Amino acid sequence: MKDGDAKTVWLPYPPHEIPDLTDGLRYVFWDGSSALPGDPNDVHFLVGPPSPGADRILRSVLPRMHNLEVLQLLSSGYEYVTPLLDGVPPGMRLATGRGVHREATAELAVTLLLSLCRGLDDFRTRQAEGRWQPEFRTTLVGKRVLVVGYGAVGAAVAARLSAFRCEVVFVARTARMTRTGHVHGAAELPTLLPTVDAVVLCAPLTDRTRGMFGADTLALLRDNAMLVNIARGELVDTDALVRRLQAGRLRAALDVTDPEPLPADHPLWHLPGVLITPHVAAFTDAFQAMSKDFLRQQVDRYQRGQELHNIVLTTTGAQVDEQAA
């Protein structure tokens, strides 16, 4: 196939940095930070820039991509893209980077949970004050932990918690049996929440999960229970969470918040029993290698006409058919 006949793929990495890219496609580097490298109308496969503000970047270019067949994200979530799809061609497939962030995100989730258990936030404050004050703290060993979201990240969190002999309970949208055991349905949350020591949120943001941890749900947790959110801030009602924290009934570690970025004057910054990281679960030195390997596999499947990994929706003119993630 002549280069002029090959379909065009825009990648956020220089093509020579991705080993063994399949032949038969035309690869162009564009990471969203520079001028467009060509006519957007020529693009058939676009990889969204893996950077903050990706929605703004995509908003400016997607309406000009009339031949786009695949929009590949390197994030696990995709809710920020769906409002931008009105003008894309019918039949365009949207795929996520589900699994690319699995290990790093699970690592941070368990780090945050351990930090809450052992009081590292309090000890760091005392270190800054030069104050030596030993204190009895709880341990993660033997705790009952509810993982909300039975996906790649949730499974990776559970695998790490098993090293601490935790009893892991899974919740997903619907109940089912898996090769690793029973997964409870979301309708069972009111029964499960009073029985657990900690909750780790790994679920995607959808119409069903938005605000699922509101005042009534948070009130079901035991006093001094721990909540870790490494999914999306909108899963939790922030005002209800603040009230629960102010009452001293809950401890929380948040890698994501609502709103985000969290304003400097927001009460969450200064409440006791709260740890905040600025949405950095996936920001590690492993990301580039894992995302490049994933992209190599995806474009190979695309070139061969095989089903792509992680397709979450396909556009049908003015409508969008959303698939189970």
Protein backbone atom coordinates (compact mmCIF):
# COMPACT_ATOMS: atom_id res chain seq x y z
CA MET A 1 0.00 0.00 0.00
CA LYS A 2 1.30 3.39 -0.93
CA ASP A 3 1.69 5.89 1.89
CA GLY A 4 -0.89 8.12 0.23
CA ASP A 5 -3.45 5.31 0.39
CA ALA A 6 -2.80 4.44 4.04
CA LYS A 7 -5.20 5.52 6.75
CA THR A 8 -3.85 8.22 9.05
CA VAL A 9 -3.30 7.74 12.77
CA TRP A 10 -2.46 10.68 15.02
CA LEU A 11 -0.43 9.56 18.03
CA PRO A 12 0.55 11.54 21.16
CA TYR A 13 4.07 10.07 20.95
CA PRO A 14 6.57 10.24 18.09
CA PRO A 15 5.99 7.04 16.09
CA HIS A 16 9.62 5.96 16.41
CA GLU A 17 9.13 5.79 20.19
CA ILE A 18 6.54 3.02 19.85
CA PRO A 19 8.36 -0.17 18.84
CA ASP A 20 6.88 -2.54 16.27
CA LEU A 21 4.03 -0.39 15.00
CA THR A 22 2.13 -2.33 12.38
CA ASP A 23 2.74 -1.51 8.71
CA GLY A 24 0.05 -0.17 6.44
CA LEU A 25 -0.91 2.92 8.41
CA ARG A 26 0.38 6.48 8.27
CA TYR A 27 1.50 7.63 11.70
CA VAL A 28 1.67 11.31 12.65
CA PHE A 29 2.76 12.81 15.96
CA TRP A 30 0.39 15.23 17.68
CA ASP A 31 0.10 15.63 21.45
CA GLY A 32 -2.26 18.59 21.47
CA SER A 33 0.38 21.09 22.56
CA SER A 34 1.45 22.27 19.11
CA ALA A 35 -0.09 23.27 15.79
CA LEU A 36 -2.02 20.63 13.91
CA PRO A 37 0.39 18.47 11.88
CA GLY A 38 -1.96 18.15 8.93
CA ASP A 39 -5.56 18.26 7.75
CA PRO A 40 -7.86 16.90 10.51
CA ASN A 41 -10.17 15.63 7.77
CA ASP A 42 -7.50 13.08 6.83
CA VAL A 43 -7.46 11.46 10.29
CA HIS A 44 -9.07 8.03 10.71
CA PHE A 45 -7.70 7.08 14.14
CA LEU A 46 -7.09 9.77 16.76
CA VAL A 47 -5.48 9.21 20.15
CA GLY A 48 -6.61 11.89 22.58
CA PRO A 49 -3.79 13.81 24.26
CA PRO A 50 -3.02 12.31 27.70
CA SER A 51 -2.85 15.68 29.39
CA PRO A 52 -4.99 18.00 31.51
CA GLY A 53 -7.45 19.95 29.37
CA ALA A 54 -7.89 17.14 26.84
CA ASP A 55 -11.58 17.99 26.52
CA ARG A 56 -10.72 21.54 25.47
CA ILE A 57 -8.18 20.30 22.92
CA LEU A 58 -10.56 17.73 21.46
CA ARG A 59 -13.41 20.23 21.30
CA SER A 60 -11.39 22.32 18.85
CA VAL A 61 -10.47 19.49 16.51
CA LEU A 62 -13.21 16.82 16.51
CA PRO A 63 -15.74 18.84 14.44
CA ARG A 64 -13.16 18.95 11.64
CA MET A 65 -12.57 15.19 11.52
CA HIS A 66 -15.24 14.02 9.09
CA ASN A 67 -13.53 10.67 8.37
CA LEU A 68 -12.75 9.71 11.96
CA GLU A 69 -13.35 6.03 12.67
CA VAL A 70 -11.79 5.66 16.14
CA LEU A 71 -11.26 8.07 19.00
CA GLN A 72 -8.89 6.38 21.43
CA LEU A 73 -8.52 7.82 24.93
CA LEU A 74 -5.71 6.99 27.32
CA SER A 75 -7.91 7.66 30.34
CA SER A 76 -10.17 5.08 31.96
CA GLY A 77 -13.08 7.51 32.13
CA TYR A 78 -14.75 9.02 29.10
CA GLU A 79 -17.60 11.15 30.46
CA TYR A 80 -15.74 14.35 29.55
CA VAL A 81 -15.77 13.39 25.86
CA THR A 82 -19.40 12.42 25.30
CA PRO A 83 -20.63 16.06 25.07
CA LEU A 84 -18.17 16.58 22.20
CA LEU A 85 -19.43 13.83 19.90
CA ASP A 86 -22.43 15.46 18.24
CA GLY A 87 -20.52 16.35 15.09
CA VAL A 88 -18.41 13.22 14.60
CA PRO A 89 -19.22 10.74 11.82
CA PRO A 90 -21.80 7.97 12.39
CA GLY A 91 -20.13 4.70 13.29
CA MET A 92 -17.17 6.29 15.05
CA ARG A 93 -16.01 4.13 17.94
CA LEU A 94 -14.84 5.55 21.25
CA ALA A 95 -12.34 3.44 23.19
CA THR A 96 -10.82 4.05 26.59
CA GLY A 97 -7.44 3.24 28.10
CA ARG A 98 -9.02 0.91 30.64
CA GLY A 99 -6.26 -1.21 32.18
CA VAL A 100 -3.40 1.13 31.29
CA HIS A 101 -3.63 2.80 34.70
CA ARG A 102 -4.61 -0.32 36.61
CA GLU A 103 -1.45 -1.00 38.58
CA ALA A 104 -0.56 2.59 39.40
CA THR A 105 -4.09 3.52 40.44
CA ALA A 106 -4.48 0.45 42.63
CA GLU A 107 -1.11 1.20 44.22
CA LEU A 108 -2.23 4.69 45.21
CA ALA A 109 -5.59 3.45 46.49
CA VAL A 110 -3.91 1.05 48.90
CA THR A 111 -1.28 3.66 49.84
CA LEU A 112 -4.03 6.10 50.79
CA LEU A 113 -5.94 3.49 52.74
CA LEU A 114 -2.80 2.48 54.64
CA SER A 115 -2.02 6.12 55.34
CA LEU A 116 -5.44 6.65 56.88
CA CYS A 117 -5.08 3.54 59.00
CA ARG A 118 -1.66 4.43 60.33
CA GLY A 119 -2.30 8.16 60.69
CA LEU A 120 0.47 9.34 58.38
CA ASP A 121 -1.34 12.65 57.84
CA ASP A 122 -1.23 13.37 61.58
CA PHE A 123 2.38 12.23 61.95
CA ARG A 124 3.44 14.40 59.01
CA THR A 125 1.91 17.42 60.75
CA ARG A 126 3.76 16.59 63.95
CA GLN A 127 6.99 16.16 62.01
CA ALA A 128 6.64 19.71 60.67
CA GLU A 129 6.18 20.87 64.25
CA GLY A 130 9.13 18.83 65.55
CA ARG A 131 6.75 17.04 67.92
CA TRP A 132 7.47 13.45 69.02
CA GLN A 133 4.09 12.03 70.04
CA PRO A 134 3.56 8.27 69.70
CA GLU A 135 -0.03 7.20 69.19
CA PHE A 136 -1.97 3.97 69.00
CA ARG A 137 -3.43 3.49 65.50
CA THR A 138 -5.43 0.85 63.67
CA THR A 139 -4.09 -1.55 61.04
CA LEU A 140 -5.34 -2.68 57.67
CA VAL A 141 -4.80 -6.34 58.55
CA GLY A 142 -8.08 -8.21 58.77
CA LYS A 143 -10.30 -5.29 57.81
CA ARG A 144 -13.45 -5.73 55.74
CA VAL A 145 -13.10 -3.51 52.66
CA LEU A 146 -15.85 -2.76 50.16
CA VAL A 147 -14.54 -2.15 46.63
CA VAL A 148 -17.13 -0.36 44.49
CA GLY A 149 -16.51 -1.15 40.83
CA TYR A 150 -15.56 -4.58 39.55
CA GLY A 151 -13.20 -3.60 36.78
CA ALA A 152 -9.47 -3.69 36.11
CA VAL A 153 -8.64 -1.22 38.90
CA GLY A 154 -11.01 -2.78 41.42
CA ALA A 155 -9.54 -6.23 40.82
CA ALA A 156 -6.00 -4.86 41.20
CA VAL A 157 -6.96 -3.14 44.47
CA ALA A 158 -8.38 -6.41 45.78
CA ALA A 159 -5.23 -8.31 44.84
CA ARG A 160 -3.11 -5.91 46.87
CA LEU A 161 -5.47 -5.94 49.84
CA SER A 162 -5.22 -9.71 49.99
CA ALA A 163 -1.61 -9.30 51.15
CA PHE A 164 -3.02 -7.65 54.29
CA ARG A 165 -5.48 -10.49 54.84
CA CYS A 166 -8.38 -8.13 54.21
CA GLU A 167 -11.86 -9.44 53.53
CA VAL A 168 -12.71 -7.81 50.20
CA VAL A 169 -16.34 -7.35 49.20
CA PHE A 170 -17.12 -6.31 45.61
CA VAL A 171 -20.04 -4.20 44.40
CA ALA A 172 -20.88 -3.57 40.75
CA ARG A 173 -23.94 -2.37 38.88
CA THR A 174 -25.50 -5.83 38.90
CA ALA A 175 -24.91 -8.92 41.03
CA ARG A 176 -23.12 -11.85 39.43
CA MET A 177 -20.81 -14.77 40.05
CA THR A 178 -17.25 -14.55 38.71
CA ARG A 179 -14.29 -16.88 38.76
CA THR A 180 -13.03 -15.04 41.85
CA GLY A 181 -16.33 -15.17 43.73
CA HIS A 182 -19.58 -13.28 44.25
CA VAL A 183 -20.03 -9.68 43.15
CA HIS A 184 -22.88 -7.85 44.87
CA GLY A 185 -25.22 -5.53 43.02
CA ALA A 186 -25.42 -1.82 43.78
CA ALA A 187 -28.91 -2.34 45.22
CA GLU A 188 -27.26 -4.20 48.12
CA LEU A 189 -25.20 -1.19 49.28
CA PRO A 190 -27.57 -0.27 52.15
CA THR A 191 -27.09 -3.73 53.61
CA LEU A 192 -23.33 -3.91 53.03
CA LEU A 193 -22.16 -0.46 54.12
CA PRO A 194 -22.84 -0.87 57.86
CA THR A 195 -20.70 -4.04 57.85
CA VAL A 196 -17.43 -2.68 56.40
CA ASP A 197 -14.43 -0.83 57.79
CA ALA A 198 -13.49 0.90 54.54
CA VAL A 199 -14.81 1.71 51.07
CA VAL A 200 -12.66 2.14 47.96
CA LEU A 201 -14.41 3.79 45.01
CA CYS A 202 -13.24 2.49 41.62
CA ALA A 203 -16.49 2.81 39.65
CA PRO A 204 -16.84 4.80 36.42
CA LEU A 205 -18.87 8.00 36.40
CA THR A 206 -22.27 7.38 34.82
CA ASP A 207 -25.80 8.62 35.35
CA ARG A 208 -26.25 5.74 37.78
CA THR A 209 -23.11 6.36 39.83
CA ARG A 210 -23.18 10.16 39.97
CA GLY A 211 -23.83 11.15 43.57
CA MET A 212 -24.28 7.54 44.68
CA PHE A 213 -22.51 8.37 47.96
CA GLY A 214 -24.80 11.07 49.27
CA ALA A 215 -25.82 11.96 52.80
CA ASP A 216 -28.04 8.90 53.35
CA THR A 217 -25.45 6.50 51.97
CA LEU A 218 -22.55 7.99 53.93
CA ALA A 219 -24.64 7.83 57.11
CA LEU A 220 -24.79 4.04 56.78
CA LEU A 221 -21.04 3.73 57.36
CA ARG A 222 -19.70 2.89 60.79
CA ASP A 223 -18.13 5.64 62.85
CA ASN A 224 -14.45 6.04 61.90
CA ALA A 225 -14.93 4.14 58.66
CA MET A 226 -12.57 5.09 55.85
CA LEU A 227 -13.51 6.25 52.35
CA VAL A 228 -10.97 6.26 49.51
CA ASN A 229 -11.95 7.74 46.14
CA ILE A 230 -9.63 7.12 43.18
CA ALA A 231 -12.45 7.11 40.60
CA ARG A 232 -14.29 10.39 40.00
CA GLY A 233 -15.14 13.12 42.48
CA GLU A 234 -18.77 13.26 41.31
CA LEU A 235 -19.47 9.82 42.77
CA VAL A 236 -19.62 11.54 46.17
CA ASP A 237 -21.83 14.40 47.33
CA THR A 238 -19.09 16.77 48.50
CA ASP A 239 -21.29 18.80 50.85
CA ALA A 240 -22.56 15.65 52.53
CA LEU A 241 -18.99 14.36 52.83
CA VAL A 242 -17.83 17.60 54.44
CA ARG A 243 -20.61 17.43 57.01
CA ARG A 244 -19.74 13.83 57.85
CA LEU A 245 -16.06 14.70 58.22
CA GLN A 246 -16.78 17.76 60.33
CA ALA A 247 -18.77 15.56 62.69
CA GLY A 248 -15.74 13.30 63.10
CA ARG A 249 -17.68 10.28 61.88
CA LEU A 250 -15.56 9.45 58.85
CA ARG A 251 -12.02 9.56 57.49
CA ALA A 252 -11.39 10.10 53.79
CA ALA A 253 -8.56 9.98 51.26
CA LEU A 254 -9.37 11.63 47.94
CA ASP A 255 -7.39 11.58 44.72
CA VAL A 256 -10.41 13.08 42.96
CA THR A 257 -12.84 15.74 44.12
CA ASP A 258 -15.92 17.64 43.08
CA PRO A 259 -15.19 20.39 42.15
CA GLU A 260 -11.82 19.72 40.58
CA PRO A 261 -9.35 21.32 40.88
CA LEU A 262 -10.32 21.80 44.51
CA PRO A 263 -10.41 25.56 45.30
CA ALA A 264 -7.78 26.76 47.76
CA ASP A 265 -10.45 27.93 50.20
CA HIS A 266 -12.43 24.69 50.18
CA PRO A 267 -13.00 23.18 53.65
CA LEU A 268 -11.80 19.74 52.56
CA TRP A 269 -8.20 21.02 52.60
CA HIS A 270 -8.24 21.65 56.33
CA LEU A 271 -10.56 19.07 57.86
CA PRO A 272 -9.01 16.51 60.22
CA GLY A 273 -8.97 12.95 58.97
CA VAL A 274 -8.65 13.95 55.31
CA LEU A 275 -5.86 13.17 52.85
CA ILE A 276 -5.92 14.81 49.42
CA THR A 277 -3.80 14.07 46.36
CA PRO A 278 -4.40 16.12 43.17
CA HIS A 279 -5.67 13.44 40.77
CA VAL A 280 -2.26 11.82 40.35
CA ALA A 281 -3.09 8.10 40.52
CA ALA A 282 -1.97 7.49 36.93
CA PHE A 283 0.89 10.00 36.89
CA THR A 284 3.85 7.65 37.25
CA ASP A 285 6.95 6.73 35.30
CA ALA A 286 5.19 3.54 34.18
CA PHE A 287 2.48 5.36 32.22
CA GLN A 288 4.36 5.99 28.99
CA ALA A 289 5.61 2.43 28.59
CA MET A 290 2.21 0.91 29.34
CA SER A 291 0.28 3.34 27.14
CA LYS A 292 2.68 2.87 24.22
CA ASP A 293 2.34 -0.89 24.45
CA PHE A 294 -1.45 -0.57 24.59
CA LEU A 295 -1.51 1.73 21.55
CA ARG A 296 0.70 -0.63 19.57
CA GLN A 297 -1.82 -3.40 20.19
CA GLN A 298 -4.82 -1.21 19.38
CA VAL A 299 -3.56 0.10 16.05
CA ASP A 300 -2.51 -3.43 15.09
CA ARG A 301 -6.05 -4.66 15.75
CA TYR A 302 -7.42 -1.66 13.86
CA GLN A 303 -5.24 -2.37 10.82
CA ARG A 304 -6.25 -6.05 10.83
CA GLY A 305 -9.95 -5.22 11.15
CA GLN A 306 -10.19 -6.93 14.53
CA GLU A 307 -12.40 -5.85 17.41
CA LEU A 308 -10.72 -3.12 19.45
CA HIS A 309 -10.25 -3.30 23.19
CA ASN A 310 -12.36 -1.11 25.50
CA ILE A 311 -14.97 0.14 23.04
CA VAL A 312 -17.53 2.00 25.18
CA LEU A 313 -19.76 3.59 22.56
CA THR A 314 -20.40 3.90 18.86
CA THR A 315 -21.96 6.99 17.32
CA THR A 316 -25.07 6.64 15.17
CA GLY A 317 -25.66 10.05 13.71
CA ALA A 318 -27.30 12.26 16.32
CA GLN A 319 -27.50 9.34 18.74
CA VAL A 320 -24.85 7.58 20.75
CA ASP A 321 -25.08 3.86 21.56
CA GLU A 322 -23.32 3.35 24.86
CA GLN A 323 -21.96 -0.09 25.59
CA ALA A 324 -21.15 -1.70 28.90
CA ALA A 325 -17.67 -0.64 30.01
